[in-house]
Protein backbone atom coordinates (compact mmCIF):
# COMPACT_ATOMS: atom_id res chain seq x y z
CA MET A 1 67.32 66.65 -1.94
CA LYS A 2 65.87 65.24 -5.13
CA GLN A 3 62.92 67.19 -6.55
CA LEU A 4 59.70 65.25 -7.00
CA ILE A 5 58.44 65.36 -10.57
CA LEU A 6 54.69 64.91 -10.98
CA PRO A 7 53.21 63.23 -14.05
CA ILE A 8 51.83 65.47 -16.75
CA TRP A 9 48.29 64.12 -16.41
CA LEU A 10 48.07 65.52 -12.88
CA TYR A 11 48.42 69.05 -14.25
CA LYS A 12 45.48 68.70 -16.62
CA GLU A 13 42.16 70.17 -15.56
CA GLU A 14 39.21 67.85 -15.71
CA ASN A 15 35.75 69.22 -16.27
CA TYR A 16 33.54 66.23 -15.61
CA GLU A 17 29.96 66.83 -16.62
CA PRO A 18 27.79 63.81 -15.85
CA GLN A 19 24.98 63.01 -18.23
CA ARG A 20 21.59 64.15 -17.21
CA ASP A 21 19.29 61.50 -15.88
CA LYS A 22 15.66 61.54 -14.86
CA ASP A 23 14.99 60.83 -11.20
CA PHE A 24 11.31 61.73 -11.29
CA PHE A 25 10.30 58.29 -10.05
CA ILE A 26 12.58 58.53 -7.00
CA SER A 27 11.41 62.07 -6.20
CA LYS A 28 7.78 61.05 -6.57
CA SER A 29 8.30 58.03 -4.29
CA ILE A 30 9.94 60.25 -1.66
CA LEU A 31 7.08 62.74 -1.76
CA LYS A 32 4.51 59.94 -1.51
CA ILE A 33 6.17 58.37 1.52
CA VAL A 34 6.59 61.78 3.17
CA TYR A 35 2.89 62.51 2.61
CA ILE A 36 1.81 59.16 4.09
CA LEU A 37 4.06 59.51 7.13
CA PHE A 38 2.93 63.10 7.66
CA SER A 39 -0.72 62.05 7.48
CA ILE A 40 -0.26 59.23 10.00
CA LYS A 41 1.76 61.35 12.42
CA LYS A 42 -0.72 64.19 12.10
CA GLN A 43 -3.52 61.79 12.99
CA GLY A 44 -1.81 61.21 16.33
CA GLY A 45 -3.52 64.25 17.80
CA SER A 46 -2.47 66.22 20.84
CA GLY A 47 -5.59 66.26 22.97
CA ASN A 48 -5.87 65.14 26.58
CA PHE A 49 -6.49 61.54 27.55
CA SER A 50 -10.23 61.90 28.15
CA ALA A 51 -10.72 63.22 24.61
CA ARG A 52 -9.12 60.20 22.96
CA PHE A 53 -12.05 57.82 23.20
CA ILE A 54 -14.96 58.45 20.87
CA PRO A 55 -17.38 55.49 21.12
CA GLY A 56 -20.36 57.58 20.04
CA LYS A 57 -18.74 58.64 16.76
CA ILE A 58 -17.78 55.05 15.92
CA LEU A 59 -21.31 53.85 16.74
CA LEU A 60 -22.85 56.47 14.45
CA THR A 61 -20.45 55.62 11.62
CA VAL A 62 -21.22 51.89 11.87
CA VAL A 63 -24.97 52.59 11.80
CA VAL A 64 -24.56 54.85 8.76
CA LEU A 65 -22.54 52.19 6.93
CA ILE A 66 -25.04 49.40 7.64
CA LEU A 67 -28.13 51.44 6.78
CA THR A 68 -26.56 52.91 3.65
CA ALA A 69 -25.49 49.50 2.37
CA SER A 70 -28.94 48.00 2.95
CA ALA A 71 -30.99 50.96 1.65
CA ARG A 72 -33.03 50.48 -1.52
CA ASN A 73 -34.68 53.88 -1.65
CA GLY A 74 -32.91 56.93 -3.02
CA ALA A 75 -34.67 59.22 -0.54
CA PHE A 76 -32.79 57.74 2.41
CA LEU A 77 -29.48 58.06 0.54
CA LEU A 78 -30.26 61.74 -0.06
CA CYS A 79 -30.79 62.19 3.69
CA ILE A 80 -27.39 60.59 4.39
CA LEU A 81 -25.82 62.80 1.73
CA ALA A 82 -27.33 65.91 3.30
CA GLY A 83 -25.93 65.00 6.71
CA GLU A 84 -22.47 64.30 5.34
CA LEU A 85 -22.44 67.56 3.40
CA ILE A 86 -23.26 69.46 6.60
CA ILE A 87 -20.23 67.85 8.27
CA LEU A 88 -18.05 68.58 5.23
CA CYS A 89 -18.92 72.27 5.45
CA ARG A 90 -17.30 72.38 8.90
CA LEU A 91 -14.01 70.82 7.81
CA SER A 92 -10.87 72.64 6.79
CA ALA A 93 -9.91 72.82 3.13
CA GLU A 94 -7.16 70.22 3.57
CA LYS A 95 -9.41 67.62 5.23
CA LEU A 96 -12.22 68.40 2.79
CA LEU A 97 -9.93 67.63 -0.13
CA VAL A 98 -8.84 64.32 1.42
CA VAL A 99 -12.43 63.17 2.03
CA LEU A 100 -13.72 64.18 -1.41
CA ARG A 101 -10.72 62.67 -3.19
CA ALA A 102 -11.21 59.29 -1.51
CA ALA A 103 -14.98 59.27 -2.07
CA LEU A 104 -14.82 60.30 -5.73
CA ALA A 105 -12.00 57.84 -6.46
CA ALA A 106 -13.99 54.97 -4.98
CA GLY A 107 -17.14 56.08 -6.82
CA GLY A 108 -15.29 56.37 -10.13
CA LEU A 109 -13.75 52.90 -9.74
CA SER A 110 -17.11 51.30 -8.94
CA PHE A 111 -18.66 53.09 -11.93
CA LEU A 112 -16.02 51.69 -14.28
CA ILE A 113 -16.46 48.17 -12.91
CA LEU A 114 -20.26 48.28 -13.23
CA LEU A 115 -20.33 50.14 -16.53
CA PRO A 116 -21.25 47.03 -18.59
CA SER A 117 -24.52 46.79 -16.64
CA ILE A 118 -25.87 49.68 -18.74
CA TRP A 119 -26.11 47.35 -21.75
CA LEU A 120 -28.09 44.91 -19.59
CA GLY A 121 -30.69 47.51 -18.70
CA GLN A 122 -29.56 47.97 -15.07
CA GLU A 123 -29.00 51.73 -15.05
CA GLN A 124 -30.85 52.18 -11.77
CA ALA A 125 -28.75 49.51 -10.03
CA LEU A 126 -25.59 51.17 -11.34
CA LEU A 127 -26.59 54.55 -9.95
CA LEU A 128 -27.63 53.02 -6.61
CA ILE A 129 -24.40 51.08 -6.09
CA VAL A 130 -22.17 53.99 -7.08
CA SER A 131 -24.08 56.31 -4.72
CA LYS A 132 -23.74 53.84 -1.85
CA THR A 133 -20.02 53.50 -2.52
CA ILE A 134 -19.47 57.24 -2.42
CA LEU A 135 -21.52 57.70 0.75
CA THR A 136 -19.90 54.83 2.67
CA VAL A 137 -16.36 55.83 1.72
CA MET A 138 -17.15 59.42 2.63
CA ALA A 139 -18.46 58.34 6.04
CA MET A 140 -15.32 56.31 6.75
CA SER A 141 -13.08 59.15 5.54
CA LEU A 142 -14.87 61.60 7.83
CA LEU A 143 -14.26 59.30 10.78
CA VAL A 144 -10.58 58.78 9.96
CA THR A 145 -9.72 62.39 9.12
CA THR A 146 -11.40 63.83 12.23
CA THR A 147 -10.17 61.22 14.72
CA ALA A 148 -6.71 60.26 15.94
CA TRP A 149 -5.54 56.71 15.29
CA HIS A 150 -5.00 55.90 18.96
CA SER A 151 -8.55 57.12 19.67
CA LEU A 152 -9.94 54.62 17.18
CA THR A 153 -7.99 51.68 18.56
CA GLY A 154 -8.80 52.61 22.15
CA SER A 155 -12.49 52.93 21.36
CA LEU A 156 -12.50 49.52 19.68
CA ARG A 157 -11.49 48.00 23.00
CA PHE A 158 -14.32 49.97 24.60
CA PHE A 159 -16.73 48.03 22.36
CA ARG A 160 -15.24 44.70 23.53
CA VAL A 161 -13.37 44.05 20.29
CA PRO A 162 -10.88 41.16 20.86
CA GLN A 163 -7.70 42.38 22.50
CA LEU A 164 -5.44 40.69 19.98
CA LEU A 165 -7.11 42.47 17.08
CA VAL A 166 -6.75 45.88 18.73
CA PHE A 167 -3.13 45.14 19.55
CA ILE A 168 -2.42 44.20 15.91
CA PHE A 169 -3.99 47.48 14.69
CA ASP A 170 -1.94 49.54 17.13
CA ILE A 171 1.38 47.82 16.40
CA THR A 172 0.77 47.90 12.63
CA LEU A 173 0.30 51.67 12.62
CA LYS A 174 3.44 52.22 14.68
CA TYR A 175 5.61 50.00 12.52
CA ILE A 176 4.31 51.52 9.29
CA VAL A 177 5.80 54.80 10.50
CA LEU A 178 9.09 53.22 11.58
CA LEU A 179 9.60 51.25 8.35
CA GLY A 180 8.46 54.26 6.31
CA ASP A 181 11.21 56.36 7.91
CA ILE A 182 13.77 53.68 7.02
CA CYS A 183 12.62 53.52 3.39
CA LEU A 184 12.64 57.31 3.19
CA GLN A 185 16.24 57.52 4.41
CA MET A 186 17.35 54.89 1.88
CA LEU A 187 15.57 56.72 -0.95
CA TYR A 188 17.41 59.91 0.00
CA ALA A 189 20.69 57.96 -0.03
CA VAL A 190 19.95 56.51 -3.49
CA LYS A 191 19.10 59.94 -4.88
CA LEU A 192 22.21 61.62 -3.42
CA ARG A 193 24.52 58.88 -4.68
CA SER A 194 23.07 58.74 -8.19
CA VAL A 195 25.59 60.58 -10.38
CA GLY A 196 25.18 60.51 -14.12
CA ARG A 197 22.91 58.15 -16.00
CA ASN A 198 21.84 55.05 -14.14
CA ARG A 199 19.88 52.52 -16.16
CA GLN A 200 19.47 50.09 -13.28
CA LYS A 201 17.33 52.02 -10.82
CA LYS A 202 15.05 49.02 -10.31
CA ARG A 203 17.87 47.16 -8.58
CA ALA A 204 18.12 49.96 -6.01
CA PHE A 205 14.40 49.71 -5.22
CA ALA A 206 14.64 45.93 -4.92
CA GLY A 207 17.42 46.46 -2.37
CA ILE A 208 15.29 48.97 -0.45
CA PHE A 209 12.40 46.52 -0.24
CA GLY A 210 14.75 43.76 0.86
CA VAL A 211 16.32 45.88 3.60
CA ALA A 212 12.86 46.97 4.78
CA PHE A 213 11.77 43.32 4.98
CA LEU A 214 14.84 42.28 6.94
CA LYS A 215 14.49 45.29 9.24
CA SER A 216 10.83 44.48 9.91
CA ARG A 217 11.77 40.89 10.78
CA GLU A 218 14.48 42.15 13.15
CA MET A 219 12.07 44.61 14.79
CA SER A 220 9.42 41.93 15.27
CA GLN A 221 11.92 39.67 17.04
CA GLU A 222 13.12 42.52 19.26
CA MET A 223 9.54 43.47 20.14
CA TYR A 224 8.68 39.86 20.99
CA GLN A 225 11.72 39.55 23.27
CA ALA A 226 10.94 42.89 24.94
CA MET A 227 7.32 41.83 25.55
CA CYS A 228 8.48 38.54 27.05
CA CYS A 229 10.91 40.36 29.36
CA ARG A 230 8.15 42.70 30.53
CA GLY A 231 5.72 39.87 31.22
CA PHE A 232 3.16 40.83 28.59
CA THR A 233 0.19 38.44 28.76
CA GLY A 234 -1.78 39.72 25.77
CA GLU A 235 -4.16 41.86 27.83
CA TYR A 236 -4.90 45.25 26.26
CA ARG A 237 -6.25 47.44 29.05
CA VAL A 238 -8.49 50.48 28.85
CA GLU A 239 -8.87 52.87 31.77
CA ARG A 240 -12.08 52.13 33.68
CA HIS A 241 -12.97 55.73 34.43
CA ILE A 242 -13.66 56.39 30.74
CA LYS A 243 -17.40 56.76 30.22
CA TRP A 244 -19.78 58.00 27.59
CA ARG A 245 -19.83 61.77 27.56
CA ARG A 246 -22.44 64.24 26.44
CA HIS A 247 -21.47 64.34 22.79
CA ASP A 248 -21.29 60.54 22.73
CA PHE A 249 -24.94 60.41 23.75
CA LEU A 250 -25.67 62.94 21.01
CA TYR A 251 -24.10 60.61 18.43
CA ALA A 252 -26.17 57.73 19.83
CA ILE A 253 -29.37 59.81 19.49
CA LEU A 254 -28.48 60.61 15.89
CA ALA A 255 -27.93 56.90 15.22
CA ILE A 256 -31.37 56.09 16.64
CA PHE A 257 -32.92 58.87 14.57
CA LEU A 258 -31.33 57.47 11.41
CA LEU A 259 -32.63 54.02 12.26
CA ILE A 260 -36.18 55.37 12.68
CA LEU A 261 -35.87 57.34 9.44
CA TYR A 262 -34.67 54.22 7.65
CA ILE A 263 -37.63 52.19 8.91
CA HIS A 264 -40.06 54.93 7.87
CA ILE A 265 -38.65 55.46 4.37
CA GLU A 266 -37.86 51.84 3.52
CA GLY A 267 -41.09 50.57 5.04
CA VAL A 268 -39.45 47.69 6.90
CA PHE A 269 -42.48 47.05 9.12
């Protein structure tokens, strides 16, 4: 039997050391998507069905937003600030950081936009608008961070918001999570397959966005066909036994109190 002779190059040891490359942008994108998906899933809540609908809290938030935006006196804004600070003191450190970060970011952006008004002698208007921005964003952040997403959408239907609008909100939140998971898996694949120096990372991200777009189009068609098969007529139902509870009436009383305080301080009548 003839002996097989291997080539000399097969006997040589190869110590391949790929060049170092920075993947900070990919890692940062992964962490950002993970944080967003974690926040949305965490907002899902795990309470019972009766605790999902919070019409009183939404009513109070809407009243606070309207009165804060229309206020012209700093005294009323200080009252709103005092109430929001009381609520902030009862939040956990994680939720407190989320609320303050959103409010301060919005306030800082509005300050930069309105900064030229100082040279026009409108310092008081600048301070008033920035304060309103911080207070309104803080009120919305308090509502979002302390309430599950499905509770918000269900309560919107309780206030006779059009069914199609509530349905769009609900489906949008669900598909943000699904498409976010797809993008996250593709980012992991790009990072694991990146060996050595890659100077064309932008092409990989363009491919991820393209796949996400095509996948969203495919999902929308599948959802439409499934809804047609199930006889969906566009009606978004809410259980009839859901009623205003004790704490909902408390929120309504607080909203009325704020309205009376606004009339007294602003001197509407």
